[in-house]
């Protein structure tokens, strides 16, 4: 498999280059050169496969055979050692719980897979590989946990000061070991801008081995396609299925579209956004017009310049009308999010975090405005205990903190404050050279 640039299709690289040098150019990302559908009989028989076996088949299709069958199988089986429950709330409504990994968020799928993949592609020895990651919430802790203790790799997590939850901050700033947390005076978009600038800086590239663990890296999206295929395979071959995806930087949605290109039968995807609604407006107008980022209850989606929009635009040949055939966008504010958390608790006896609540709202809007007679699956991307005060206030139900979160809150914070300025990040990174 080769990977091409979204900005210049003549730029084609191998898997190692696409993963370890994730940005081909400013405002460009790598995508698989082609995504060939798996045979129909695979999708008819997928319900018989356990999650690792299904994941292995999709990984081969999206990554090619560069790694070899045994290596890829070892990565998959080691990465996905937790449950992926598809929980029915009613006959035609399901929630896909993606928070059963070690940091209780869907980012564990990508982070654990990527850490093992990078360890193979950049084996220990020689200069360390410095992995940069910007986070608006759960990415940082998942990457920190996934890469912790991996020989030859150091991780640097940039997060926006005051814009992640107390528990999210505790998870990403208390790891230590080979993981450093950088508390940036700015927004997630600022953190993402700094990471991209570092990756594209030729002088830094000569002095340090730099890589990204954000969803700009195509290796982040590949494992996220697996759980779409898993959920779809459990719903019967004739179901008209709609996935509702809480959408910020759009990596999760793009991974679903990859699964669709592999032949996964799906009626539509719902891109559910908060007031940072760049994708919703793109689908309506065909124009990419970022606005100033606003802080919301669904903080992981507080992204106004979503990197993966470049991949979505590429998938549909820059034709928003074509994209609208598969993706339906809806926007919701904090008051609607609160109301949805209460509604899901009252109607179904189920606790959902604010991101899952936005996805639920998107699914209900699709049913009301587009097509009612569908099997709906909304993605619960984080454990409700990551937002205990909010969930308890809105639902009146107590949220027990899992041991992993209690332990994170008890550990001392280790973070370095950083200005939202590339010069400050560059100085920090150059200091690592000794």
Protein backbone atom coordinates (compact mmCIF):
# COMPACT_ATOMS: atom_id res chain seq x y z
CA UNK A 1 0.00 0.00 0.00
CA UNK A 2 1.15 3.51 -0.84
CA UNK A 3 -0.16 6.70 0.69
CA UNK A 4 -0.69 9.93 -1.24
CA UNK A 5 -0.91 13.58 -0.26
CA UNK A 6 -4.32 15.26 -0.28
CA UNK A 7 -2.65 18.33 -1.79
CA UNK A 8 -0.65 16.61 -4.52
CA UNK A 9 -1.65 13.11 -5.68
CA UNK A 10 1.75 12.64 -7.32
CA UNK A 11 3.34 12.57 -3.84
CA UNK A 12 3.24 8.91 -2.79
CA UNK A 13 5.07 7.31 0.13
CA UNK A 14 5.31 3.97 1.91
CA UNK A 15 3.72 3.14 5.27
CA UNK A 16 6.82 3.98 7.31
CA UNK A 17 7.04 7.47 5.83
CA UNK A 18 3.31 8.13 6.17
CA UNK A 19 3.36 7.18 9.87
CA UNK A 20 6.68 8.69 10.96
CA UNK A 21 6.42 11.83 8.77
CA UNK A 22 2.68 12.45 8.93
CA UNK A 23 2.51 15.82 7.15
CA UNK A 24 3.46 15.87 3.46
CA UNK A 25 3.04 19.67 3.31
CA UNK A 26 1.20 22.51 5.08
CA UNK A 27 -2.56 21.86 5.05
CA UNK A 28 -2.02 18.42 3.49
CA UNK A 29 -2.43 14.92 4.92
CA UNK A 30 -1.79 11.38 3.75
CA UNK A 31 -4.59 9.05 2.68
CA UNK A 32 -4.40 5.48 1.34
CA UNK A 33 -3.67 5.59 -2.37
CA UNK A 34 -6.76 3.48 -2.88
CA UNK A 35 -9.36 1.81 -0.68
CA UNK A 36 -10.63 -1.33 -2.38
CA UNK A 37 -13.91 -2.78 -1.07
CA UNK A 38 -13.67 -6.07 0.75
CA UNK A 39 -15.71 -8.82 -0.91
CA UNK A 40 -19.45 -8.90 -0.06
CA UNK A 41 -19.09 -12.32 1.52
CA UNK A 42 -16.73 -10.82 4.12
CA UNK A 43 -19.44 -8.42 5.28
CA UNK A 44 -22.06 -11.17 5.25
CA UNK A 45 -19.89 -13.38 7.45
CA UNK A 46 -18.31 -10.67 9.64
CA UNK A 47 -20.72 -11.34 12.52
CA UNK A 48 -18.90 -14.62 13.15
CA UNK A 49 -15.55 -12.94 13.74
CA UNK A 50 -14.22 -11.79 17.12
CA UNK A 51 -13.09 -8.17 17.23
CA UNK A 52 -9.32 -8.83 16.76
CA UNK A 53 -9.90 -11.04 13.70
CA UNK A 54 -12.20 -8.49 12.10
CA UNK A 55 -9.74 -5.69 12.93
CA UNK A 56 -6.88 -7.64 11.36
CA UNK A 57 -8.77 -7.98 8.07
CA UNK A 58 -9.47 -4.24 7.89
CA UNK A 59 -5.91 -3.38 8.93
CA UNK A 60 -4.51 -5.45 6.06
CA UNK A 61 -6.87 -3.74 3.62
CA UNK A 62 -5.90 -0.22 4.74
CA UNK A 63 -2.20 -0.68 5.50
CA UNK A 64 -1.17 -3.28 2.95
CA UNK A 65 1.35 -6.06 3.53
CA UNK A 66 4.46 -4.02 4.41
CA UNK A 67 4.45 -5.25 8.02
CA UNK A 68 3.84 -8.92 7.39
CA UNK A 69 0.90 -10.95 8.66
CA UNK A 70 2.36 -12.07 11.99
CA UNK A 71 3.58 -8.61 12.97
CA UNK A 72 0.24 -7.01 12.18
CA UNK A 73 -1.63 -9.74 14.01
CA UNK A 74 0.55 -9.23 17.10
CA UNK A 75 -0.11 -5.46 17.03
CA UNK A 76 -3.87 -5.96 16.75
CA UNK A 77 -4.17 -8.64 19.41
CA UNK A 78 -1.99 -6.72 21.87
CA UNK A 79 -3.74 -3.38 21.30
CA UNK A 80 -7.36 -4.50 21.63
CA UNK A 81 -7.60 -6.41 24.88
CA UNK A 82 -10.81 -4.73 26.08
CA UNK A 83 -14.53 -4.96 25.32
CA UNK A 84 -16.42 -3.05 22.62
CA UNK A 85 -20.06 -3.28 23.78
CA UNK A 86 -22.94 -2.39 21.46
CA UNK A 87 -25.71 -1.62 23.96
CA UNK A 88 -29.36 -1.64 22.84
CA UNK A 89 -31.43 1.16 24.36
CA UNK A 90 -34.51 0.22 22.30
CA UNK A 91 -35.28 -1.92 19.26
CA UNK A 92 -33.84 0.63 16.83
CA UNK A 93 -31.48 2.59 19.03
CA UNK A 94 -28.04 1.44 20.15
CA UNK A 95 -25.06 3.06 21.79
CA UNK A 96 -21.56 1.91 20.86
CA UNK A 97 -19.51 2.17 24.05
CA UNK A 98 -15.95 3.04 23.12
CA UNK A 99 -14.69 3.83 26.63
CA UNK A 100 -13.62 0.44 27.95
CA UNK A 101 -9.90 0.90 27.27
CA UNK A 102 -7.35 1.88 29.93
CA UNK A 103 -8.08 5.64 29.82
CA UNK A 104 -11.87 5.23 29.41
CA UNK A 105 -12.10 7.00 26.05
CA UNK A 106 -12.33 6.01 22.40
CA UNK A 107 -8.86 7.37 21.76
CA UNK A 108 -7.45 4.19 23.35
CA UNK A 109 -8.20 2.32 20.12
CA UNK A 110 -5.96 4.57 18.07
CA UNK A 111 -3.28 5.28 20.68
CA UNK A 112 -2.61 1.66 21.60
CA UNK A 113 -2.50 0.58 17.96
CA UNK A 114 -0.25 3.48 16.96
CA UNK A 115 2.20 2.98 19.83
CA UNK A 116 2.76 -0.62 18.81
CA UNK A 117 2.95 0.28 15.13
CA UNK A 118 5.52 3.02 15.72
CA UNK A 119 7.58 0.72 17.90
CA UNK A 120 7.87 -1.61 14.89
CA UNK A 121 8.49 1.11 12.31
CA UNK A 122 10.95 3.07 14.48
CA UNK A 123 12.74 0.43 16.60
CA UNK A 124 14.75 1.49 19.62
CA UNK A 125 18.36 2.43 19.10
CA UNK A 126 20.03 5.66 18.12
CA UNK A 127 18.26 8.96 18.64
CA UNK A 128 14.89 8.96 20.38
CA UNK A 129 11.69 9.44 18.39
CA UNK A 130 9.82 12.48 19.75
CA UNK A 131 6.06 12.12 19.34
CA UNK A 132 4.09 15.37 19.48
CA UNK A 133 0.38 15.38 20.20
CA UNK A 134 -2.16 18.17 20.63
CA UNK A 135 -5.21 17.33 22.70
CA UNK A 136 -8.59 18.89 23.37
CA UNK A 137 -9.40 16.31 26.02
CA UNK A 138 -8.92 12.55 25.76
CA UNK A 139 -6.27 12.19 23.06
CA UNK A 140 -3.48 13.27 25.39
CA UNK A 141 -4.17 10.76 28.13
CA UNK A 142 -4.73 7.92 25.65
CA UNK A 143 -1.49 8.64 23.81
CA UNK A 144 0.41 9.11 27.07
CA UNK A 145 -0.82 5.76 28.39
CA UNK A 146 -0.39 3.98 25.05
CA UNK A 147 3.23 5.11 24.61
CA UNK A 148 4.28 5.00 28.27
CA UNK A 149 7.48 3.04 28.68
CA UNK A 150 7.93 2.32 24.96
CA UNK A 151 11.72 2.19 24.44
CA UNK A 152 13.21 4.88 22.22
CA UNK A 153 10.07 7.07 22.15
CA UNK A 154 9.38 10.29 24.09
CA UNK A 155 5.92 11.86 24.03
CA UNK A 156 5.10 15.56 24.37
CA UNK A 157 1.42 16.38 24.97
CA UNK A 158 0.20 19.93 24.29
CA UNK A 159 -3.15 20.82 25.87
CA UNK A 160 -5.05 24.12 26.21
CA UNK A 161 -4.87 25.58 29.71
CA UNK A 162 -8.28 25.66 31.42
CA UNK A 163 -10.07 23.96 28.53
CA UNK A 164 -9.94 20.30 29.55
CA UNK A 165 -11.84 18.72 32.43
CA UNK A 166 -10.22 18.22 35.82
CA UNK A 167 -10.06 14.47 35.31
CA UNK A 168 -8.75 14.75 31.75
CA UNK A 169 -5.96 17.03 32.97
CA UNK A 170 -5.09 14.65 35.79
CA UNK A 171 -4.84 11.75 33.36
CA UNK A 172 -2.49 13.46 30.93
CA UNK A 173 -0.26 15.36 33.42
CA UNK A 174 0.53 12.59 35.90
CA UNK A 175 2.08 9.90 33.71
CA UNK A 176 5.73 10.97 33.93
CA UNK A 177 8.30 8.48 32.65
CA UNK A 178 8.78 9.20 28.92
CA UNK A 179 5.70 11.49 28.73
CA UNK A 180 5.84 15.28 29.16
CA UNK A 181 2.77 17.54 29.41
CA UNK A 182 2.84 21.08 28.01
CA UNK A 183 0.05 23.38 29.23
CA UNK A 184 -0.47 25.91 26.43
CA UNK A 185 -1.92 29.37 26.96
CA UNK A 186 -4.44 29.09 24.13
CA UNK A 187 -7.01 26.86 22.44
CA UNK A 188 -6.77 23.39 20.96
CA UNK A 189 -6.41 25.01 17.55
CA UNK A 190 -3.31 26.77 18.89
CA UNK A 191 -1.91 23.47 20.16
CA UNK A 192 -2.57 21.83 16.80
CA UNK A 193 -0.98 24.77 14.96
CA UNK A 194 2.19 24.47 17.08
CA UNK A 195 2.49 20.73 16.47
CA UNK A 196 2.09 21.16 12.71
CA UNK A 197 4.66 23.97 12.66
CA UNK A 198 7.18 21.80 14.51
CA UNK A 199 6.67 18.86 12.17
CA UNK A 200 7.20 21.08 9.14
CA UNK A 201 10.23 22.97 10.50
CA UNK A 202 13.28 21.75 8.50
CA UNK A 203 15.81 22.77 11.15
CA UNK A 204 14.00 20.85 13.89
CA UNK A 205 13.69 17.93 11.51
CA UNK A 206 17.47 17.82 11.10
CA UNK A 207 18.09 17.86 14.85
CA UNK A 208 15.27 15.68 16.18
CA UNK A 209 13.27 12.70 14.97
CA UNK A 210 9.74 14.10 15.17
CA UNK A 211 6.41 12.35 14.62
CA UNK A 212 2.77 13.09 15.38
CA UNK A 213 0.19 11.03 17.26
CA UNK A 214 -2.70 13.31 16.33
CA UNK A 215 -5.29 12.30 13.77
CA UNK A 216 -3.22 14.12 11.15
CA UNK A 217 -1.43 10.77 11.21
CA UNK A 218 -3.22 8.25 9.02
CA UNK A 219 -2.28 5.48 11.48
CA UNK A 220 -4.67 7.08 13.98
CA UNK A 221 -7.65 6.66 11.68
CA UNK A 222 -7.07 3.07 10.60
CA UNK A 223 -7.86 1.45 14.00
CA UNK A 224 -10.88 3.71 14.47
CA UNK A 225 -12.47 2.16 11.40
CA UNK A 226 -12.51 -1.21 13.15
CA UNK A 227 -15.28 -0.48 15.64
CA UNK A 228 -17.64 0.76 12.94
CA UNK A 229 -17.26 -2.55 11.12
CA UNK A 230 -17.66 -4.44 14.40
CA UNK A 231 -20.90 -2.66 15.31
CA UNK A 232 -22.30 -2.97 11.80
CA UNK A 233 -21.62 -6.70 11.74
CA UNK A 234 -23.71 -7.16 14.89
CA UNK A 235 -26.86 -5.52 13.47
CA UNK A 236 -27.83 -7.95 10.72
CA UNK A 237 -27.09 -7.77 6.99
CA UNK A 238 -30.37 -6.11 5.97
CA UNK A 239 -30.52 -3.32 8.58
CA UNK A 240 -30.50 0.29 7.39
CA UNK A 241 -27.87 1.60 9.79
CA UNK A 242 -27.01 5.21 10.65
CA UNK A 243 -23.95 6.06 12.76
CA UNK A 244 -24.06 9.32 14.72
CA UNK A 245 -20.56 10.60 15.46
CA UNK A 246 -19.59 13.39 17.89
CA UNK A 247 -17.38 15.43 15.57
CA UNK A 248 -14.54 17.82 16.38
CA UNK A 249 -11.26 17.26 14.55
CA UNK A 250 -13.16 14.79 12.31
CA UNK A 251 -10.79 11.84 12.62
CA UNK A 252 -13.53 9.61 14.04
CA UNK A 253 -15.92 10.48 11.21
CA UNK A 254 -13.24 10.01 8.56
CA UNK A 255 -12.45 6.56 9.95
CA UNK A 256 -16.12 5.64 9.50
CA UNK A 257 -15.96 6.82 5.90
CA UNK A 258 -12.89 4.62 5.39
CA UNK A 259 -14.94 1.65 6.61
CA UNK A 260 -17.70 2.60 4.19
CA UNK A 261 -15.19 2.69 1.32
CA UNK A 262 -14.17 -0.82 2.33
CA UNK A 263 -17.74 -1.89 1.54
CA UNK A 264 -19.37 -1.66 4.96
CA UNK A 265 -23.15 -1.36 4.38
CA UNK A 266 -24.38 1.89 5.95
CA UNK A 267 -27.28 4.21 5.24
CA UNK A 268 -25.56 7.40 6.41
CA UNK A 269 -23.28 9.07 8.91
CA UNK A 270 -24.40 11.90 11.15
CA UNK A 271 -21.74 14.49 11.99
CA UNK A 272 -22.96 15.92 15.30
CA UNK A 273 -21.13 19.11 16.27
CA UNK A 274 -21.32 21.69 19.01
CA UNK A 275 -21.23 25.40 18.17
CA UNK A 276 -17.76 24.88 16.62
CA UNK A 277 -19.54 23.77 13.46
CA UNK A 278 -17.08 24.18 10.59
CA UNK A 279 -18.07 20.86 8.99
CA UNK A 280 -21.81 21.51 9.27
CA UNK A 281 -21.36 24.81 7.46
CA UNK A 282 -19.07 23.23 4.85
CA UNK A 283 -21.70 20.62 4.04
CA UNK A 284 -24.29 23.37 3.63
CA UNK A 285 -22.22 25.84 1.61
CA UNK A 286 -19.20 23.99 0.18
CA UNK A 287 -16.92 26.58 1.82
CA UNK A 288 -14.40 26.02 4.61
CA UNK A 289 -14.78 29.04 6.88
CA UNK A 290 -13.32 28.54 10.37
CA UNK A 291 -14.46 30.85 13.14
CA UNK A 292 -13.00 31.62 16.55
CA UNK A 293 -13.12 28.55 18.76
CA UNK A 294 -15.74 28.64 21.52
CA UNK A 295 -15.47 26.69 24.78
CA UNK A 296 -18.33 24.23 25.33
CA UNK A 297 -19.38 21.37 27.60
CA UNK A 298 -18.26 18.91 24.89
CA UNK A 299 -14.71 20.22 25.07
CA UNK A 300 -13.05 17.52 22.95
CA UNK A 301 -15.05 18.89 20.01
CA UNK A 302 -13.96 22.50 20.51
CA UNK A 303 -12.12 22.60 17.19
CA UNK A 304 -12.68 25.26 14.53
CA UNK A 305 -9.92 24.20 12.14
CA UNK A 306 -10.44 20.44 11.90
CA UNK A 307 -7.44 18.81 10.27
CA UNK A 308 -9.36 15.87 8.87
CA UNK A 309 -11.67 18.06 6.85
CA UNK A 310 -8.88 17.90 4.24
CA UNK A 311 -9.35 14.13 4.05
CA UNK A 312 -13.13 14.40 3.78
CA UNK A 313 -12.85 17.00 1.04
CA UNK A 314 -10.39 14.70 -0.74
CA UNK A 315 -12.63 11.62 -0.40
CA UNK A 316 -15.44 13.44 -2.22
CA UNK A 317 -13.36 15.29 -4.77
CA UNK A 318 -14.04 18.67 -3.12
CA UNK A 319 -17.74 18.23 -3.93
CA UNK A 320 -19.84 19.07 -0.87
CA UNK A 321 -22.98 17.84 -2.61
CA UNK A 322 -21.44 14.36 -2.94
CA UNK A 323 -20.41 14.44 0.72
CA UNK A 324 -23.97 15.35 1.75
CA UNK A 325 -25.20 12.08 0.23
CA UNK A 326 -23.30 10.20 2.96
CA UNK A 327 -22.84 12.73 5.77
CA UNK A 328 -25.58 14.77 7.44
CA UNK A 329 -24.41 17.57 9.72
CA UNK A 330 -26.22 19.00 12.74
CA UNK A 331 -25.19 21.61 15.32
CA UNK A 332 -26.17 21.86 19.00
CA UNK A 333 -25.47 24.26 21.85
CA UNK A 334 -24.78 23.58 25.52
CA UNK A 335 -28.40 23.91 26.63
CA UNK A 336 -29.44 21.27 24.09
CA UNK A 337 -26.57 19.08 25.27
CA UNK A 338 -27.71 19.32 28.89
CA UNK A 339 -31.28 18.51 27.89
CA UNK A 340 -30.11 15.46 25.94
CA UNK A 341 -28.17 14.12 28.92
CA UNK A 342 -31.34 14.38 31.01
CA UNK A 343 -33.49 12.83 28.29
CA UNK A 344 -31.26 9.80 27.78
CA UNK A 345 -31.15 9.25 31.55
CA UNK A 346 -34.91 9.60 32.01
CA UNK A 347 -36.08 7.75 28.91
CA UNK A 348 -33.52 4.93 28.79
CA UNK A 349 -31.94 4.86 32.26
CA UNK A 350 -28.55 5.42 30.64
CA UNK A 351 -25.84 7.90 31.58
CA UNK A 352 -24.08 9.62 28.71
CA UNK A 353 -21.25 12.15 28.71
CA UNK A 354 -21.70 15.48 26.87
CA UNK A 355 -20.04 14.25 23.66
CA UNK A 356 -22.30 11.21 23.50
CA UNK A 357 -25.24 13.50 24.20
CA UNK A 358 -24.40 15.58 21.13
CA UNK A 359 -24.22 12.39 19.06
CA UNK A 360 -27.63 11.31 20.40
CA UNK A 361 -29.07 14.69 19.42
CA UNK A 362 -27.64 14.29 15.92
CA UNK A 363 -29.24 10.89 15.52
CA UNK A 364 -32.63 12.15 16.72
CA UNK A 365 -32.40 15.09 14.32
CA UNK A 366 -31.66 12.72 11.43
CA UNK A 367 -34.72 10.63 12.36
CA UNK A 368 -36.91 13.72 12.54
CA UNK A 369 -35.65 15.54 9.45
CA UNK A 370 -34.34 12.88 7.05
CA UNK A 371 -35.52 9.32 7.67
CA UNK A 372 -37.17 7.78 10.72
CA UNK A 373 -37.14 4.07 9.90
CA UNK A 374 -33.45 3.36 10.50
CA UNK A 375 -31.36 1.47 13.02
CA UNK A 376 -29.45 4.20 14.84
CA UNK A 377 -26.08 3.84 16.56
CA UNK A 378 -24.62 6.78 18.43
CA UNK A 379 -21.04 6.70 19.64
CA UNK A 380 -20.29 7.13 23.34
CA UNK A 381 -16.69 8.26 23.16
CA UNK A 382 -15.91 8.86 26.85
CA UNK A 383 -16.99 7.35 30.16
CA UNK A 384 -19.51 9.60 31.96
CA UNK A 385 -17.24 9.53 35.01
CA UNK A 386 -14.84 11.80 33.11
CA UNK A 387 -17.43 14.55 33.62
CA UNK A 388 -18.87 13.60 37.03
CA UNK A 389 -20.04 17.00 38.24
CA UNK A 390 -21.86 17.76 34.99
CA UNK A 391 -23.45 14.32 34.66
CA UNK A 392 -24.61 14.27 38.27
CA UNK A 393 -26.00 17.82 38.11
CA UNK A 394 -28.00 17.17 34.96
CA UNK A 395 -29.27 13.67 35.72
CA UNK A 396 -29.48 13.64 39.50
CA UNK A 397 -27.70 10.29 39.50
CA UNK A 398 -24.44 9.56 41.26
CA UNK A 399 -21.42 8.73 39.10
CA UNK A 400 -18.89 6.36 40.61
CA UNK A 401 -15.29 7.11 39.68
CA UNK A 402 -13.51 4.03 38.31
CA UNK A 403 -10.23 3.19 40.07
CA UNK A 404 -8.20 4.46 37.09
CA UNK A 405 -9.61 7.95 37.50
CA UNK A 406 -9.29 8.03 41.30
CA UNK A 407 -5.66 7.07 40.99
CA UNK A 408 -4.98 9.79 38.38
CA UNK A 409 -6.55 12.46 40.61
CA UNK A 410 -4.35 11.38 43.51
CA UNK A 411 -1.08 11.75 41.61
CA UNK A 412 0.80 15.10 41.47
CA UNK A 413 0.47 17.23 38.34
CA UNK A 414 3.59 17.45 36.18
CA UNK A 415 3.23 20.06 33.43
CA UNK A 416 5.27 22.86 31.89
CA UNK A 417 3.47 26.08 30.99
CA UNK A 418 4.02 27.20 27.39
CA UNK A 419 3.01 30.29 25.45
CA UNK A 420 0.90 29.72 22.33
CA UNK A 421 3.92 30.72 20.27
CA UNK A 422 5.99 28.50 18.00
CA UNK A 423 9.19 30.10 19.23
CA UNK A 424 8.44 28.83 22.74
CA UNK A 425 7.79 25.28 21.53
CA UNK A 426 10.85 25.37 19.30
CA UNK A 427 13.04 26.45 22.21
CA UNK A 428 11.61 23.66 24.37
CA UNK A 429 12.33 21.06 21.70
CA UNK A 430 15.84 22.32 20.96
CA UNK A 431 16.65 22.04 24.68
CA UNK A 432 16.01 18.31 24.30
CA UNK A 433 18.99 18.11 21.97
CA UNK A 434 21.30 18.85 24.88
